[in-house]
């Protein structure tokens, strides 16, 4: 019984080493995600998802070392939460640091035209872009005023406003359809006696 408590509560790695390991892995992951792009954060395809799952398992041993104790795992988790909280607070108060850490949004579509270079840079296929537009109710890229890859990895779309002529045309079509529906319910079908 004493051995169980000892295994659970006594860390196999010095606490200072555990703190340093955790901070080092956290910093490495931030740098890695920053270097490899925003795509990994928001627009996960199955390959990206698998990499993130394996990445978490891979760095687990780097954080805990040869320590399988409950206390060791909790200390690692606590250090991660504290460092993250401090970094988020610092980034909130220092916009230049936040931009360096997160990057900037990138324009992918401008005035209905897909910008190829930013798509290639972020490894987003045209099909993924179109699928994201459809999820937001947009059928044609020509209807998009601007699409951006946000710093969170999400794709956002702004739809072009219809011109006065387009609104007028839509209103006429709508009224004609309403008139046709009324006539269909009032008038007998052609050829009926």
N, C-alpha and C. Protein backbone atom coordinates (compact mmCIF):
# COMPACT_ATOMS: atom_id res chain seq x y z
N UNK A 1 0.83 -1.20 0.00
CA UNK A 1 0.00 0.00 0.00
C UNK A 1 0.87 1.26 0.00
N UNK A 2 1.93 1.22 0.77
CA UNK A 2 2.84 2.36 0.84
C UNK A 2 3.50 2.62 -0.50
N UNK A 3 3.77 1.56 -1.25
CA UNK A 3 4.41 1.67 -2.56
C UNK A 3 3.50 2.40 -3.55
N UNK A 4 2.20 2.16 -3.48
CA UNK A 4 1.25 2.82 -4.37
C UNK A 4 1.26 4.33 -4.13
N UNK A 5 1.18 4.73 -2.86
CA UNK A 5 1.20 6.16 -2.53
C UNK A 5 2.53 6.79 -2.93
N UNK A 6 3.58 6.05 -2.73
CA UNK A 6 4.91 6.55 -3.09
C UNK A 6 5.00 6.78 -4.60
N UNK A 7 4.51 5.81 -5.40
CA UNK A 7 4.54 5.94 -6.85
C UNK A 7 3.67 7.09 -7.34
N UNK A 8 2.54 7.32 -6.66
CA UNK A 8 1.63 8.38 -7.07
C UNK A 8 2.12 9.76 -6.67
N UNK A 9 2.71 9.88 -5.51
CA UNK A 9 2.98 11.21 -4.94
C UNK A 9 4.43 11.65 -5.01
N UNK A 10 5.35 10.75 -5.22
CA UNK A 10 6.77 11.12 -5.25
C UNK A 10 7.22 11.21 -6.71
N UNK A 11 7.64 12.40 -7.08
CA UNK A 11 8.06 12.65 -8.45
C UNK A 11 9.42 12.01 -8.70
N UNK A 12 9.58 11.39 -9.86
CA UNK A 12 10.84 10.76 -10.24
C UNK A 12 11.83 11.75 -10.84
N UNK A 13 11.38 12.98 -11.06
CA UNK A 13 12.23 14.02 -11.65
C UNK A 13 12.17 15.23 -10.73
N UNK A 14 13.30 15.91 -10.51
CA UNK A 14 13.26 17.12 -9.67
C UNK A 14 12.26 18.15 -10.24
N UNK A 15 11.57 18.85 -9.35
CA UNK A 15 10.53 19.79 -9.76
C UNK A 15 11.08 20.89 -10.67
N UNK A 16 12.28 21.39 -10.40
CA UNK A 16 12.87 22.44 -11.24
C UNK A 16 13.05 21.92 -12.67
N UNK A 17 13.49 20.68 -12.80
CA UNK A 17 13.66 20.09 -14.13
C UNK A 17 12.32 19.98 -14.84
N UNK A 18 11.29 19.58 -14.10
CA UNK A 18 9.96 19.45 -14.69
C UNK A 18 9.45 20.80 -15.18
N UNK A 19 9.66 21.85 -14.41
CA UNK A 19 9.22 23.19 -14.82
C UNK A 19 9.97 23.63 -16.08
N UNK A 20 11.29 23.43 -16.10
CA UNK A 20 12.10 23.82 -17.26
C UNK A 20 11.68 23.02 -18.50
N UNK A 21 11.47 21.72 -18.33
CA UNK A 21 11.04 20.88 -19.46
C UNK A 21 9.71 21.38 -20.03
N UNK A 22 8.77 21.66 -19.15
CA UNK A 22 7.43 22.09 -19.58
C UNK A 22 7.51 23.41 -20.34
N UNK A 23 8.24 24.37 -19.82
CA UNK A 23 8.36 25.68 -20.47
C UNK A 23 9.06 25.53 -21.83
N UNK A 24 10.10 24.70 -21.88
CA UNK A 24 10.83 24.49 -23.14
C UNK A 24 9.92 23.87 -24.20
N UNK A 25 9.15 22.87 -23.84
CA UNK A 25 8.25 22.22 -24.80
C UNK A 25 7.17 23.20 -25.24
N UNK A 26 6.63 23.97 -24.32
CA UNK A 26 5.60 24.96 -24.65
C UNK A 26 6.16 25.98 -25.65
N UNK A 27 7.34 26.50 -25.38
CA UNK A 27 7.97 27.45 -26.30
C UNK A 27 8.23 26.85 -27.67
N UNK A 28 8.69 25.60 -27.69
CA UNK A 28 8.94 24.91 -28.96
C UNK A 28 7.66 24.76 -29.77
N UNK A 29 6.57 24.38 -29.12
CA UNK A 29 5.31 24.20 -29.83
C UNK A 29 4.76 25.53 -30.36
N UNK A 30 4.90 26.60 -29.59
CA UNK A 30 4.46 27.91 -30.07
C UNK A 30 5.26 28.30 -31.32
N UNK A 31 6.57 28.15 -31.24
CA UNK A 31 7.41 28.49 -32.39
C UNK A 31 7.08 27.60 -33.59
N UNK A 32 6.89 26.32 -33.35
CA UNK A 32 6.58 25.40 -34.44
C UNK A 32 5.27 25.73 -35.12
N UNK A 33 4.24 26.00 -34.35
CA UNK A 33 2.95 26.33 -34.95
C UNK A 33 3.02 27.67 -35.67
N UNK A 34 3.81 28.59 -35.15
CA UNK A 34 3.97 29.90 -35.80
C UNK A 34 4.70 29.74 -37.14
N UNK A 35 5.74 28.90 -37.16
CA UNK A 35 6.51 28.71 -38.38
C UNK A 35 5.76 27.92 -39.44
N UNK A 36 5.00 26.93 -39.01
CA UNK A 36 4.33 26.06 -39.97
C UNK A 36 2.94 26.56 -40.36
N UNK A 37 2.52 27.67 -39.81
CA UNK A 37 1.32 28.32 -40.32
C UNK A 37 0.09 28.18 -39.44
N UNK A 38 -0.88 29.02 -39.81
CA UNK A 38 -2.15 29.09 -39.08
C UNK A 38 -3.07 27.94 -39.42
N UNK A 39 -2.82 27.29 -40.53
CA UNK A 39 -3.70 26.22 -40.99
C UNK A 39 -3.89 25.16 -39.92
N UNK A 40 -2.81 24.80 -39.21
CA UNK A 40 -2.89 23.75 -38.20
C UNK A 40 -3.87 24.10 -37.08
N UNK A 41 -4.14 25.39 -36.93
CA UNK A 41 -5.00 25.82 -35.82
C UNK A 41 -6.49 25.77 -36.14
N UNK A 42 -6.87 26.07 -37.36
CA UNK A 42 -8.29 26.22 -37.64
C UNK A 42 -8.86 25.28 -38.66
N UNK A 43 -8.22 25.12 -39.79
CA UNK A 43 -8.77 24.36 -40.89
C UNK A 43 -8.14 22.97 -40.92
N UNK A 44 -8.51 22.14 -39.97
CA UNK A 44 -7.88 20.83 -39.86
C UNK A 44 -8.42 19.86 -40.90
N UNK A 45 -7.51 19.31 -41.68
CA UNK A 45 -7.88 18.17 -42.50
C UNK A 45 -7.43 16.93 -41.74
N UNK A 46 -7.73 15.73 -42.19
CA UNK A 46 -7.36 14.54 -41.41
C UNK A 46 -5.86 14.43 -41.14
N UNK A 47 -5.02 14.84 -42.08
CA UNK A 47 -3.56 14.76 -41.85
C UNK A 47 -3.12 15.71 -40.74
N UNK A 48 -3.64 16.95 -40.76
CA UNK A 48 -3.30 17.91 -39.71
C UNK A 48 -3.75 17.41 -38.34
N UNK A 49 -4.94 16.83 -38.30
CA UNK A 49 -5.49 16.31 -37.05
C UNK A 49 -4.60 15.20 -36.49
N UNK A 50 -4.16 14.30 -37.35
CA UNK A 50 -3.28 13.20 -36.92
C UNK A 50 -1.97 13.75 -36.39
N UNK A 51 -1.41 14.75 -37.09
CA UNK A 51 -0.15 15.34 -36.63
C UNK A 51 -0.32 15.96 -35.25
N UNK A 52 -1.40 16.69 -35.02
CA UNK A 52 -1.61 17.30 -33.70
C UNK A 52 -1.77 16.24 -32.61
N UNK A 53 -2.49 15.17 -32.92
CA UNK A 53 -2.64 14.10 -31.92
C UNK A 53 -1.29 13.46 -31.60
N UNK A 54 -0.52 13.15 -32.63
CA UNK A 54 0.79 12.53 -32.41
C UNK A 54 1.76 13.49 -31.74
N UNK A 55 1.65 14.76 -32.08
CA UNK A 55 2.52 15.75 -31.47
C UNK A 55 2.31 15.81 -29.96
N UNK A 56 1.06 15.77 -29.53
CA UNK A 56 0.80 15.82 -28.09
C UNK A 56 1.38 14.59 -27.38
N UNK A 57 1.28 13.45 -28.01
CA UNK A 57 1.83 12.23 -27.41
C UNK A 57 3.36 12.26 -27.43
N UNK A 58 3.93 12.81 -28.50
CA UNK A 58 5.38 12.85 -28.63
C UNK A 58 6.01 13.74 -27.56
N UNK A 59 5.43 14.90 -27.32
CA UNK A 59 6.05 15.83 -26.36
C UNK A 59 5.70 15.49 -24.91
N UNK A 60 4.79 14.58 -24.70
CA UNK A 60 4.43 14.19 -23.33
C UNK A 60 5.66 13.73 -22.56
N UNK A 61 6.45 12.85 -23.16
CA UNK A 61 7.64 12.35 -22.47
C UNK A 61 8.68 13.44 -22.27
N UNK A 62 8.73 14.40 -23.19
CA UNK A 62 9.67 15.51 -23.02
C UNK A 62 9.29 16.36 -21.81
N UNK A 63 8.00 16.44 -21.51
CA UNK A 63 7.55 17.22 -20.36
C UNK A 63 7.74 16.46 -19.06
N UNK A 64 7.31 15.20 -19.02
CA UNK A 64 7.34 14.48 -17.74
C UNK A 64 8.65 13.74 -17.50
N UNK A 65 9.46 13.50 -18.54
CA UNK A 65 10.71 12.76 -18.36
C UNK A 65 10.43 11.35 -17.90
N UNK A 66 11.21 10.87 -16.97
CA UNK A 66 11.04 9.51 -16.44
C UNK A 66 10.11 9.50 -15.24
N UNK A 67 9.15 10.37 -15.23
CA UNK A 67 8.26 10.52 -14.09
C UNK A 67 6.85 10.10 -14.48
N UNK A 68 6.33 9.08 -13.83
CA UNK A 68 4.96 8.64 -14.07
C UNK A 68 4.06 8.91 -12.88
N UNK A 69 4.51 9.76 -11.99
CA UNK A 69 3.73 10.01 -10.78
C UNK A 69 2.58 10.98 -11.07
N UNK A 70 1.57 10.90 -10.24
CA UNK A 70 0.43 11.80 -10.32
C UNK A 70 0.88 13.24 -10.10
N UNK A 71 1.71 13.43 -9.10
CA UNK A 71 2.20 14.77 -8.78
C UNK A 71 2.99 15.34 -9.96
N UNK A 72 3.83 14.52 -10.58
CA UNK A 72 4.61 14.99 -11.72
C UNK A 72 3.73 15.45 -12.87
N UNK A 73 2.68 14.68 -13.17
CA UNK A 73 1.76 15.07 -14.23
C UNK A 73 0.99 16.33 -13.90
N UNK A 74 0.55 16.44 -12.64
CA UNK A 74 -0.18 17.63 -12.23
C UNK A 74 0.70 18.87 -12.23
N UNK A 75 1.95 18.72 -11.83
CA UNK A 75 2.89 19.85 -11.86
C UNK A 75 3.11 20.30 -13.30
N UNK A 76 3.31 19.36 -14.21
CA UNK A 76 3.48 19.71 -15.62
C UNK A 76 2.27 20.45 -16.16
N UNK A 77 1.07 19.96 -15.84
CA UNK A 77 -0.16 20.61 -16.30
C UNK A 77 -0.30 22.01 -15.69
N UNK A 78 0.00 22.13 -14.41
CA UNK A 78 -0.09 23.43 -13.73
C UNK A 78 0.88 24.43 -14.35
N UNK A 79 2.10 24.01 -14.61
CA UNK A 79 3.08 24.91 -15.23
C UNK A 79 2.60 25.35 -16.61
N UNK A 80 2.05 24.42 -17.39
CA UNK A 80 1.51 24.78 -18.71
C UNK A 80 0.41 25.84 -18.59
N UNK A 81 -0.50 25.66 -17.65
CA UNK A 81 -1.60 26.60 -17.49
C UNK A 81 -1.10 27.97 -17.03
N UNK A 82 -0.14 27.99 -16.12
CA UNK A 82 0.39 29.26 -15.62
C UNK A 82 1.15 29.99 -16.72
N UNK A 83 2.04 29.29 -17.41
CA UNK A 83 2.82 29.93 -18.48
C UNK A 83 1.89 30.45 -19.57
N UNK A 84 0.90 29.66 -19.95
CA UNK A 84 -0.05 30.10 -20.97
C UNK A 84 -0.81 31.34 -20.52
N UNK A 85 -1.27 31.34 -19.29
CA UNK A 85 -2.01 32.49 -18.77
C UNK A 85 -1.14 33.74 -18.78
N UNK A 86 0.10 33.62 -18.35
CA UNK A 86 1.00 34.77 -18.34
C UNK A 86 1.29 35.27 -19.75
N UNK A 87 1.49 34.35 -20.67
CA UNK A 87 1.77 34.73 -22.05
C UNK A 87 0.57 35.41 -22.70
N UNK A 88 -0.62 34.90 -22.45
CA UNK A 88 -1.84 35.50 -23.01
C UNK A 88 -2.03 36.91 -22.45
N UNK A 89 -1.82 37.08 -21.16
CA UNK A 89 -1.96 38.40 -20.54
C UNK A 89 -0.95 39.39 -21.11
N UNK A 90 0.29 38.93 -21.26
CA UNK A 90 1.34 39.79 -21.81
C UNK A 90 1.00 40.17 -23.25
N UNK A 91 0.57 39.21 -24.03
CA UNK A 91 0.22 39.48 -25.44
C UNK A 91 -0.95 40.44 -25.53
N UNK A 92 -1.88 40.35 -24.61
CA UNK A 92 -3.03 41.25 -24.61
C UNK A 92 -2.59 42.69 -24.39
N UNK A 93 -1.62 42.89 -23.51
CA UNK A 93 -1.16 44.24 -23.16
C UNK A 93 -0.12 44.79 -24.14
N UNK A 94 0.47 43.94 -24.96
CA UNK A 94 1.53 44.36 -25.87
C UNK A 94 1.19 43.90 -27.30
N UNK A 95 0.47 44.74 -28.04
CA UNK A 95 0.02 44.35 -29.40
C UNK A 95 1.15 43.95 -30.34
N UNK A 96 2.31 44.60 -30.26
CA UNK A 96 3.42 44.24 -31.15
C UNK A 96 3.89 42.81 -30.87
N UNK A 97 3.95 42.45 -29.61
CA UNK A 97 4.33 41.08 -29.24
C UNK A 97 3.27 40.09 -29.73
N UNK A 98 1.99 40.46 -29.58
CA UNK A 98 0.90 39.59 -30.02
C UNK A 98 0.98 39.35 -31.53
N UNK A 99 1.24 40.42 -32.31
CA UNK A 99 1.35 40.26 -33.76
C UNK A 99 2.53 39.37 -34.13
N UNK A 100 3.65 39.53 -33.40
CA UNK A 100 4.82 38.69 -33.67
C UNK A 100 4.52 37.23 -33.34
N UNK A 101 3.76 37.01 -32.28
CA UNK A 101 3.43 35.67 -31.83
C UNK A 101 2.38 35.02 -32.74
N UNK A 102 1.34 35.76 -33.07
CA UNK A 102 0.21 35.20 -33.81
C UNK A 102 0.31 35.41 -35.31
N UNK A 103 1.03 36.41 -35.75
CA UNK A 103 1.05 36.75 -37.16
C UNK A 103 -0.08 37.71 -37.48
N UNK A 104 -0.33 37.88 -38.76
CA UNK A 104 -1.39 38.77 -39.21
C UNK A 104 -2.38 37.99 -40.07
N UNK A 105 -3.61 38.47 -40.17
CA UNK A 105 -4.55 37.83 -41.09
C UNK A 105 -4.03 37.97 -42.52
N UNK A 106 -4.35 37.00 -43.37
CA UNK A 106 -3.91 37.04 -44.76
C UNK A 106 -5.12 37.02 -45.68
N UNK A 107 -5.11 37.90 -46.65
CA UNK A 107 -6.21 37.97 -47.61
C UNK A 107 -6.05 36.86 -48.64
N UNK A 108 -7.12 36.10 -48.84
CA UNK A 108 -7.11 34.98 -49.77
C UNK A 108 -7.96 35.25 -51.01
N UNK A 109 -8.98 36.09 -50.87
CA UNK A 109 -9.85 36.46 -51.98
C UNK A 109 -10.06 37.97 -51.91
N UNK A 110 -9.91 38.61 -53.08
CA UNK A 110 -10.16 40.06 -53.16
C UNK A 110 -11.06 40.33 -54.33
N UNK A 111 -12.20 40.92 -54.06
CA UNK A 111 -13.18 41.30 -55.08
C UNK A 111 -13.52 40.12 -56.00
N UNK A 112 -13.76 38.97 -55.41
CA UNK A 112 -14.18 37.79 -56.16
C UNK A 112 -13.06 37.00 -56.80
N UNK A 113 -11.83 37.47 -56.70
CA UNK A 113 -10.68 36.80 -57.32
C UNK A 113 -9.85 36.10 -56.25
N UNK A 114 -9.61 34.80 -56.45
CA UNK A 114 -8.81 34.02 -55.51
C UNK A 114 -7.35 34.39 -55.69
N UNK A 115 -6.67 34.70 -54.60
CA UNK A 115 -5.25 35.05 -54.63
C UNK A 115 -4.43 33.78 -54.42
N UNK A 116 -3.74 33.36 -55.45
CA UNK A 116 -3.07 32.06 -55.45
C UNK A 116 -1.90 32.02 -54.48
N UNK A 117 -1.09 33.06 -54.44
CA UNK A 117 0.11 33.04 -53.59
C UNK A 117 -0.19 32.80 -52.11
N UNK A 118 -1.13 33.55 -51.53
CA UNK A 118 -1.44 33.28 -50.11
C UNK A 118 -2.00 31.87 -49.88
N UNK A 119 -2.77 31.34 -50.84
CA UNK A 119 -3.27 29.97 -50.71
C UNK A 119 -2.11 28.99 -50.67
N UNK A 120 -1.17 29.17 -51.60
CA UNK A 120 -0.01 28.28 -51.63
C UNK A 120 0.83 28.41 -50.37
N UNK A 121 1.04 29.65 -49.92
CA UNK A 121 1.84 29.89 -48.72
C UNK A 121 1.25 29.19 -47.50
N UNK A 122 -0.06 29.18 -47.41
CA UNK A 122 -0.74 28.56 -46.25
C UNK A 122 -1.20 27.14 -46.53
N UNK A 123 -0.88 26.62 -47.71
CA UNK A 123 -1.21 25.26 -48.10
C UNK A 123 -2.71 24.98 -47.98
N UNK A 124 -3.48 25.92 -48.48
CA UNK A 124 -4.94 25.78 -48.52
C UNK A 124 -5.32 25.56 -49.98
N UNK A 125 -6.00 24.47 -50.25
CA UNK A 125 -6.40 24.21 -51.63
C UNK A 125 -7.62 25.04 -51.98
N UNK A 126 -7.83 25.22 -53.27
CA UNK A 126 -9.01 25.95 -53.74
C UNK A 126 -10.28 25.23 -53.27
N UNK A 127 -10.24 23.90 -53.26
CA UNK A 127 -11.41 23.13 -52.83
C UNK A 127 -11.72 23.38 -51.35
N UNK A 128 -10.69 23.48 -50.52
CA UNK A 128 -10.92 23.78 -49.10
C UNK A 128 -11.50 25.18 -48.93
N UNK A 129 -11.03 26.13 -49.72
CA UNK A 129 -11.54 27.49 -49.67
C UNK A 129 -13.01 27.53 -50.07
N UNK A 130 -13.35 26.86 -51.17
CA UNK A 130 -14.73 26.83 -51.64
C UNK A 130 -15.63 26.13 -50.62
N UNK A 131 -15.15 25.05 -50.02
CA UNK A 131 -15.94 24.34 -49.01
C UNK A 131 -16.21 25.23 -47.81
N UNK A 132 -15.21 26.00 -47.38
CA UNK A 132 -15.40 26.92 -46.25
C UNK A 132 -16.40 28.01 -46.62
N UNK A 133 -16.36 28.48 -47.87
CA UNK A 133 -17.33 29.49 -48.31
C UNK A 133 -18.75 28.92 -48.29
N UNK A 134 -18.89 27.68 -48.77
CA UNK A 134 -20.22 27.05 -48.78
C UNK A 134 -20.77 26.89 -47.37
N UNK A 135 -19.90 26.60 -46.41
CA UNK A 135 -20.36 26.46 -45.02
C UNK A 135 -20.94 27.77 -44.51
N UNK A 136 -20.51 28.88 -45.11
CA UNK A 136 -21.03 30.18 -44.70
C UNK A 136 -22.12 30.68 -45.65
N UNK A 137 -22.64 29.77 -46.51
CA UNK A 137 -23.76 30.11 -47.37
C UNK A 137 -23.38 30.83 -48.65
N UNK A 138 -22.13 30.76 -49.05
CA UNK A 138 -21.66 31.43 -50.26
C UNK A 138 -21.44 30.39 -51.34
N UNK A 139 -22.15 30.52 -52.45
CA UNK A 139 -22.06 29.55 -53.54
C UNK A 139 -20.98 29.87 -54.55
N UNK A 140 -20.75 31.16 -54.81
CA UNK A 140 -19.82 31.56 -55.87
C UNK A 140 -18.75 32.49 -55.31
N UNK A 141 -17.49 32.24 -55.66
CA UNK A 141 -16.41 33.09 -55.18
C UNK A 141 -16.53 34.50 -55.73
N UNK A 142 -17.22 34.65 -56.85
CA UNK A 142 -17.45 35.98 -57.41
C UNK A 142 -18.29 36.86 -56.50
N UNK A 143 -19.03 36.25 -55.56
CA UNK A 143 -19.85 37.01 -54.62
C UNK A 143 -19.06 37.49 -53.41
N UNK A 144 -17.78 37.11 -53.32
CA UNK A 144 -16.97 37.41 -52.14
C UNK A 144 -16.21 38.72 -52.36
N UNK A 145 -16.40 39.67 -51.48
CA UNK A 145 -15.63 40.91 -51.53
C UNK A 145 -14.23 40.66 -50.99
N UNK A 146 -14.15 39.88 -49.91
CA UNK A 146 -12.87 39.60 -49.27
C UNK A 146 -12.98 38.32 -48.46
N UNK A 147 -11.95 37.48 -48.54
CA UNK A 147 -11.86 36.31 -47.66
C UNK A 147 -10.48 36.35 -47.03
N UNK A 148 -10.43 36.06 -45.72
CA UNK A 148 -9.16 36.13 -45.00
C UNK A 148 -8.94 34.87 -44.18
N UNK A 149 -7.69 34.50 -44.06
CA UNK A 149 -7.27 33.50 -43.10
C UNK A 149 -6.89 34.27 -41.85
N UNK A 150 -7.72 34.14 -40.82
CA UNK A 150 -7.51 34.90 -39.59
C UNK A 150 -6.36 34.29 -38.79
N UNK A 151 -5.87 35.02 -37.80
CA UNK A 151 -4.75 34.52 -37.00
C UNK A 151 -5.13 33.27 -36.22
N UNK A 152 -6.41 33.06 -36.00
CA UNK A 152 -6.87 31.86 -35.30
C UNK A 152 -6.87 30.64 -36.19
N UNK A 153 -6.68 30.85 -37.50
CA UNK A 153 -6.74 29.74 -38.45
C UNK A 153 -8.10 29.61 -39.11
N UNK A 154 -9.07 30.41 -38.68
CA UNK A 154 -10.42 30.37 -39.27
C UNK A 154 -10.43 31.17 -40.57
N UNK A 155 -11.30 30.75 -41.48
CA UNK A 155 -11.51 31.49 -42.72
C UNK A 155 -12.75 32.35 -42.56
N UNK A 156 -12.63 33.64 -42.86
CA UNK A 156 -13.78 34.54 -42.78
C UNK A 156 -14.04 35.15 -44.14
N UNK A 157 -15.31 35.37 -44.45
CA UNK A 157 -15.72 35.86 -45.75
C UNK A 157 -16.61 37.09 -45.58
N UNK A 158 -16.38 38.08 -46.45
CA UNK A 158 -17.27 39.23 -46.55
C UNK A 158 -17.89 39.17 -47.94
N UNK A 159 -19.21 39.21 -48.00
CA UNK A 159 -19.92 39.11 -49.27
C UNK A 159 -20.09 40.51 -49.86
N UNK A 160 -20.00 40.59 -51.19
CA UNK A 160 -20.20 41.86 -51.88
C UNK A 160 -21.64 42.30 -51.68
N UNK A 161 -21.83 43.59 -51.53
CA UNK A 161 -23.18 44.14 -51.46
C UNK A 161 -23.72 44.22 -52.88
N UNK A 162 -24.98 43.86 -53.09
CA UNK A 162 -25.53 43.96 -54.45
C UNK A 162 -25.64 45.43 -54.88
N UNK A 163 -25.48 45.66 -56.17
CA UNK A 163 -25.63 47.01 -56.70
C UNK A 163 -27.11 47.38 -56.68
N UNK A 164 -27.39 48.65 -56.90
CA UNK A 164 -28.78 49.13 -56.95
C UNK A 164 -29.54 48.40 -58.06
N UNK A 165 -28.90 48.22 -59.21
CA UNK A 165 -29.53 47.53 -60.32
C UNK A 165 -29.84 46.07 -59.97
N UNK A 166 -28.91 45.40 -59.28
CA UNK A 166 -29.14 44.00 -58.88
C UNK A 166 -30.29 43.90 -57.87
N UNK A 167 -30.36 44.83 -56.93
CA UNK A 167 -31.48 44.82 -55.97
C UNK A 167 -32.81 45.08 -56.68
N UNK A 168 -32.83 46.02 -57.63
CA UNK A 168 -34.03 46.32 -58.40
C UNK A 168 -34.47 45.09 -59.19
N UNK A 169 -33.51 44.41 -59.84
CA UNK A 169 -33.82 43.20 -60.61
C UNK A 169 -34.39 42.12 -59.71
N UNK A 170 -33.80 41.91 -58.55
CA UNK A 170 -34.28 40.88 -57.61
C UNK A 170 -35.69 41.21 -57.14
N UNK A 171 -35.98 42.49 -56.91
CA UNK A 171 -37.31 42.90 -56.48
C UNK A 171 -38.34 42.63 -57.57
N UNK A 172 -38.01 42.93 -58.82
CA UNK A 172 -38.93 42.69 -59.95
C UNK A 172 -39.20 41.19 -60.09
N UNK A 173 -38.14 40.38 -60.04
CA UNK A 173 -38.31 38.93 -60.16
C UNK A 173 -39.19 38.41 -59.04
N UNK A 174 -38.97 38.89 -57.83
CA UNK A 174 -39.77 38.45 -56.68
C UNK A 174 -41.25 38.82 -56.87
N UNK A 175 -41.53 40.02 -57.34
CA UNK A 175 -42.93 40.44 -57.55
C UNK A 175 -43.59 39.65 -58.68
N UNK A 176 -42.85 39.39 -59.75
CA UNK A 176 -43.40 38.59 -60.86
C UNK A 176 -43.75 37.18 -60.39
N UNK A 177 -42.88 36.59 -59.57
CA UNK A 177 -43.16 35.24 -59.04
C UNK A 177 -44.40 35.25 -58.17
N UNK A 178 -44.58 36.31 -57.37
CA UNK A 178 -45.77 36.42 -56.52
C UNK A 178 -47.03 36.55 -57.37
N UNK A 179 -46.96 37.34 -58.45
CA UNK A 179 -48.11 37.50 -59.36
C UNK A 179 -48.44 36.17 -60.03
N UNK A 180 -47.42 35.44 -60.49
CA UNK A 180 -47.64 34.14 -61.13
C UNK A 180 -48.32 33.17 -60.16
N UNK A 181 -47.91 33.19 -58.90
CA UNK A 181 -48.52 32.29 -57.91
C UNK A 181 -50.00 32.64 -57.70
N UNK A 182 -50.31 33.93 -57.63
CA UNK A 182 -51.70 34.34 -57.45
C UNK A 182 -52.55 33.96 -58.66
N UNK A 183 -52.02 34.18 -59.85
CA UNK A 183 -52.75 33.84 -61.06
C UNK A 183 -52.98 32.33 -61.15
N UNK A 184 -52.01 31.56 -60.71
CA UNK A 184 -52.15 30.10 -60.77
C UNK A 184 -53.27 29.62 -59.85
N UNK A 185 -53.52 30.30 -58.77
CA UNK A 185 -54.57 29.87 -57.84
C UNK A 185 -55.94 30.42 -58.24
N UNK A 186 -55.97 31.53 -59.02
CA UNK A 186 -57.25 32.15 -59.39
C UNK A 186 -57.73 31.65 -60.74
N UNK A 187 -56.88 31.66 -61.74
CA UNK A 187 -57.29 31.34 -63.11
C UNK A 187 -57.30 29.82 -63.32
N UNK A 188 -58.30 29.34 -64.10
CA UNK A 188 -58.32 27.91 -64.41
C UNK A 188 -57.19 27.60 -65.38
N UNK A 189 -56.71 26.36 -65.38
CA UNK A 189 -55.64 25.97 -66.29
C UNK A 189 -56.07 26.17 -67.75
N UNK A 190 -55.12 26.46 -68.61
CA UNK A 190 -55.41 26.69 -70.03
C UNK A 190 -56.03 25.43 -70.63
N UNK A 191 -57.05 25.59 -71.46
CA UNK A 191 -57.72 24.47 -72.11
C UNK A 191 -58.84 23.88 -71.28
N UNK A 192 -59.08 24.39 -70.09
CA UNK A 192 -60.16 23.87 -69.24
C UNK A 192 -61.47 24.59 -69.59
N UNK A 193 -62.60 23.89 -69.59
CA UNK A 193 -63.91 24.49 -69.91
C UNK A 193 -64.78 24.60 -68.73
